[in-house]
Every structure is written in C-alpha cells, then in structure tokens.
C-alpha atoms as a PDB file:
ATOM      1  CA  UNK A   1      15.301 -17.591  29.229  1.00  0.00           C
ATOM      2  CA  UNK A   2      15.525 -18.873  25.822  1.00  0.00           C
ATOM      3  CA  UNK A   3      13.173 -21.583  24.599  1.00  0.00           C
ATOM      4  CA  UNK A   4      15.556 -22.540  21.700  1.00  0.00           C
ATOM      5  CA  UNK A   5      16.717 -26.234  21.941  1.00  0.00           C
ATOM      6  CA  UNK A   6      20.515 -26.772  22.251  1.00  0.00           C
ATOM      7  CA  UNK A   7      20.143 -29.513  19.717  1.00  0.00           C
ATOM      8  CA  UNK A   8      18.918 -27.316  17.000  1.00  0.00           C
ATOM      9  CA  UNK A   9      21.170 -25.673  14.461  1.00  0.00           C
ATOM     10  CA  UNK A  10      20.870 -21.871  14.415  1.00  0.00           C
ATOM     11  CA  UNK A  11      19.134 -22.049  10.910  1.00  0.00           C
ATOM     12  CA  UNK A  12      16.439 -24.315  12.204  1.00  0.00           C
ATOM     13  CA  UNK A  13      15.719 -21.970  15.042  1.00  0.00           C
ATOM     14  CA  UNK A  14      15.092 -19.001  12.705  1.00  0.00           C
ATOM     15  CA  UNK A  15      11.450 -18.695  11.118  1.00  0.00           C
ATOM     16  CA  UNK A  16      11.061 -19.468   7.402  1.00  0.00           C
ATOM     17  CA  UNK A  17      11.031 -16.209   5.612  1.00  0.00           C
ATOM     18  CA  UNK A  18      11.127 -17.516   2.039  1.00  0.00           C
ATOM     19  CA  UNK A  19       9.854 -15.037  -0.471  1.00  0.00           C
ATOM     20  CA  UNK A  20       8.303 -16.177  -3.718  1.00  0.00           C
ATOM     21  CA  UNK A  21       8.274 -14.273  -6.926  1.00  0.00           C
ATOM     22  CA  UNK A  22       4.688 -13.223  -6.795  1.00  0.00           C
ATOM     23  CA  UNK A  23       5.313 -11.608  -3.381  1.00  0.00           C
ATOM     24  CA  UNK A  24       8.423  -9.855  -4.636  1.00  0.00           C
ATOM     25  CA  UNK A  25       6.641  -8.543  -7.584  1.00  0.00           C
ATOM     26  CA  UNK A  26       3.453  -7.394  -5.897  1.00  0.00           C
ATOM     27  CA  UNK A  27       5.205  -5.558  -2.911  1.00  0.00           C
ATOM     28  CA  UNK A  28       6.063  -2.409  -5.007  1.00  0.00           C
ATOM     29  CA  UNK A  29       2.432  -2.228  -6.274  1.00  0.00           C
ATOM     30  CA  UNK A  30       1.256  -2.478  -2.624  1.00  0.00           C
ATOM     31  CA  UNK A  31       3.663   0.373  -1.618  1.00  0.00           C
ATOM     32  CA  UNK A  32       2.341   2.648  -4.327  1.00  0.00           C
ATOM     33  CA  UNK A  33      -1.307   1.774  -3.631  1.00  0.00           C
ATOM     34  CA  UNK A  34      -0.801   2.411   0.132  1.00  0.00           C
ATOM     35  CA  UNK A  35       0.901   5.774  -0.410  1.00  0.00           C
ATOM     36  CA  UNK A  36      -1.604   6.773  -3.082  1.00  0.00           C
ATOM     37  CA  UNK A  37      -4.415   6.017  -0.704  1.00  0.00           C
ATOM     38  CA  UNK A  38      -2.809   8.232   1.909  1.00  0.00           C
ATOM     39  CA  UNK A  39      -1.961  11.220  -0.255  1.00  0.00           C
ATOM     40  CA  UNK A  40      -4.759  11.263  -2.711  1.00  0.00           C
ATOM     41  CA  UNK A  41      -7.183  12.858  -0.148  1.00  0.00           C
ATOM     42  CA  UNK A  42      -4.886  15.802  -0.003  1.00  0.00           C
ATOM     43  CA  UNK A  43      -5.859  16.967  -3.463  1.00  0.00           C
ATOM     44  CA  UNK A  44      -9.653  16.923  -2.681  1.00  0.00           C
ATOM     45  CA  UNK A  45      -9.717  20.422  -1.047  1.00  0.00           C
ATOM     46  CA  UNK A  46      -7.750  21.964  -3.863  1.00  0.00           C
ATOM     47  CA  UNK A  47     -10.002  20.530  -6.567  1.00  0.00           C
ATOM     48  CA  UNK A  48     -13.231  21.366  -4.711  1.00  0.00           C
ATOM     49  CA  UNK A  49     -12.221  24.744  -3.806  1.00  0.00           C
ATOM     50  CA  UNK A  50     -11.322  25.672  -7.423  1.00  0.00           C
ATOM     51  CA  UNK A  51     -15.036  25.690  -8.091  1.00  0.00           C
ATOM     52  CA  UNK A  52     -15.403  22.793 -10.638  1.00  0.00           C
ATOM     53  CA  UNK A  53     -16.575  25.256 -13.158  1.00  0.00           C
ATOM     54  CA  UNK A  54     -15.378  23.144 -16.086  1.00  0.00           C
ATOM     55  CA  UNK A  55     -15.761  19.545 -17.224  1.00  0.00           C
ATOM     56  CA  UNK A  56     -12.018  19.021 -17.026  1.00  0.00           C
ATOM     57  CA  UNK A  57     -12.039  19.757 -13.312  1.00  0.00           C
ATOM     58  CA  UNK A  58     -14.908  17.341 -12.853  1.00  0.00           C
ATOM     59  CA  UNK A  59     -12.718  14.756 -14.567  1.00  0.00           C
ATOM     60  CA  UNK A  60      -9.852  15.659 -12.433  1.00  0.00           C
ATOM     61  CA  UNK A  61     -12.059  15.136  -9.343  1.00  0.00           C
ATOM     62  CA  UNK A  62     -13.185  11.774 -10.596  1.00  0.00           C
ATOM     63  CA  UNK A  63      -9.749  10.746 -11.356  1.00  0.00           C
ATOM     64  CA  UNK A  64      -8.598  11.647  -7.900  1.00  0.00           C
ATOM     65  CA  UNK A  65     -11.413   9.786  -6.290  1.00  0.00           C
ATOM     66  CA  UNK A  66     -10.629   6.708  -8.656  1.00  0.00           C
ATOM     67  CA  UNK A  67      -7.048   6.832  -7.609  1.00  0.00           C
ATOM     68  CA  UNK A  68      -7.856   6.947  -3.904  1.00  0.00           C
ATOM     69  CA  UNK A  69     -10.080   3.911  -4.150  1.00  0.00           C
ATOM     70  CA  UNK A  70      -7.578   1.996  -6.377  1.00  0.00           C
ATOM     71  CA  UNK A  71      -4.985   2.919  -3.800  1.00  0.00           C
ATOM     72  CA  UNK A  72      -7.193   1.611  -0.931  1.00  0.00           C
ATOM     73  CA  UNK A  73      -7.654  -1.678  -2.583  1.00  0.00           C
ATOM     74  CA  UNK A  74      -4.154  -2.273  -3.876  1.00  0.00           C
ATOM     75  CA  UNK A  75      -2.437  -1.077  -0.708  1.00  0.00           C
ATOM     76  CA  UNK A  76      -4.634  -2.829   1.712  1.00  0.00           C
ATOM     77  CA  UNK A  77      -2.169  -5.413   3.189  1.00  0.00           C
ATOM     78  CA  UNK A  78       0.913  -3.305   2.802  1.00  0.00           C
ATOM     79  CA  UNK A  79       3.269  -3.928   5.819  1.00  0.00           C
ATOM     80  CA  UNK A  80       0.926  -6.182   7.723  1.00  0.00           C
ATOM     81  CA  UNK A  81       3.838  -8.357   8.553  1.00  0.00           C
ATOM     82  CA  UNK A  82       5.887  -5.699  10.135  1.00  0.00           C
END
C-alpha cells in the first residue's frame, strides 16, 4: 500500500535530488580516486618482483604507494548514495 497522500502533486512526492556545482565537479574526481585505489595495488607485485635494483624502481614503488593513498582519500565517499 502506498503512503503517498492523494492531495500531493507527483513532484512533491519525489525526494529532492538537487545537485549543486561542487558535487557535480567533485564526482569525477571521486570516480578516479576510487578506481585508482582499487587498481593501484595490482602494480605492487610487479614492482616488488622486479627486484628494486635501481633508484628509479624505488621511486616507482613510492609513486604507486602515493597514488594508492591519494586514491583512498579522494574516492572514499564514491557512490555511498547508491
């Protein structure tokens, strides 16, 4: 049984889903952050198994780690409303 009042218009019965500019601008950043946090750990075994014999590989490992942490922070609330 529906709890909607027969005296309300259909637009009043729908929840308010207004989106401001800040939310609209930050959603792609959250998307990229979330997927970076998901996919960055896949690079760890490759970098670690390569031996880390040079300074460039150490910088690569540090960069992957930094990308993972940044992705975790930026993508934290991605799709919590779904």
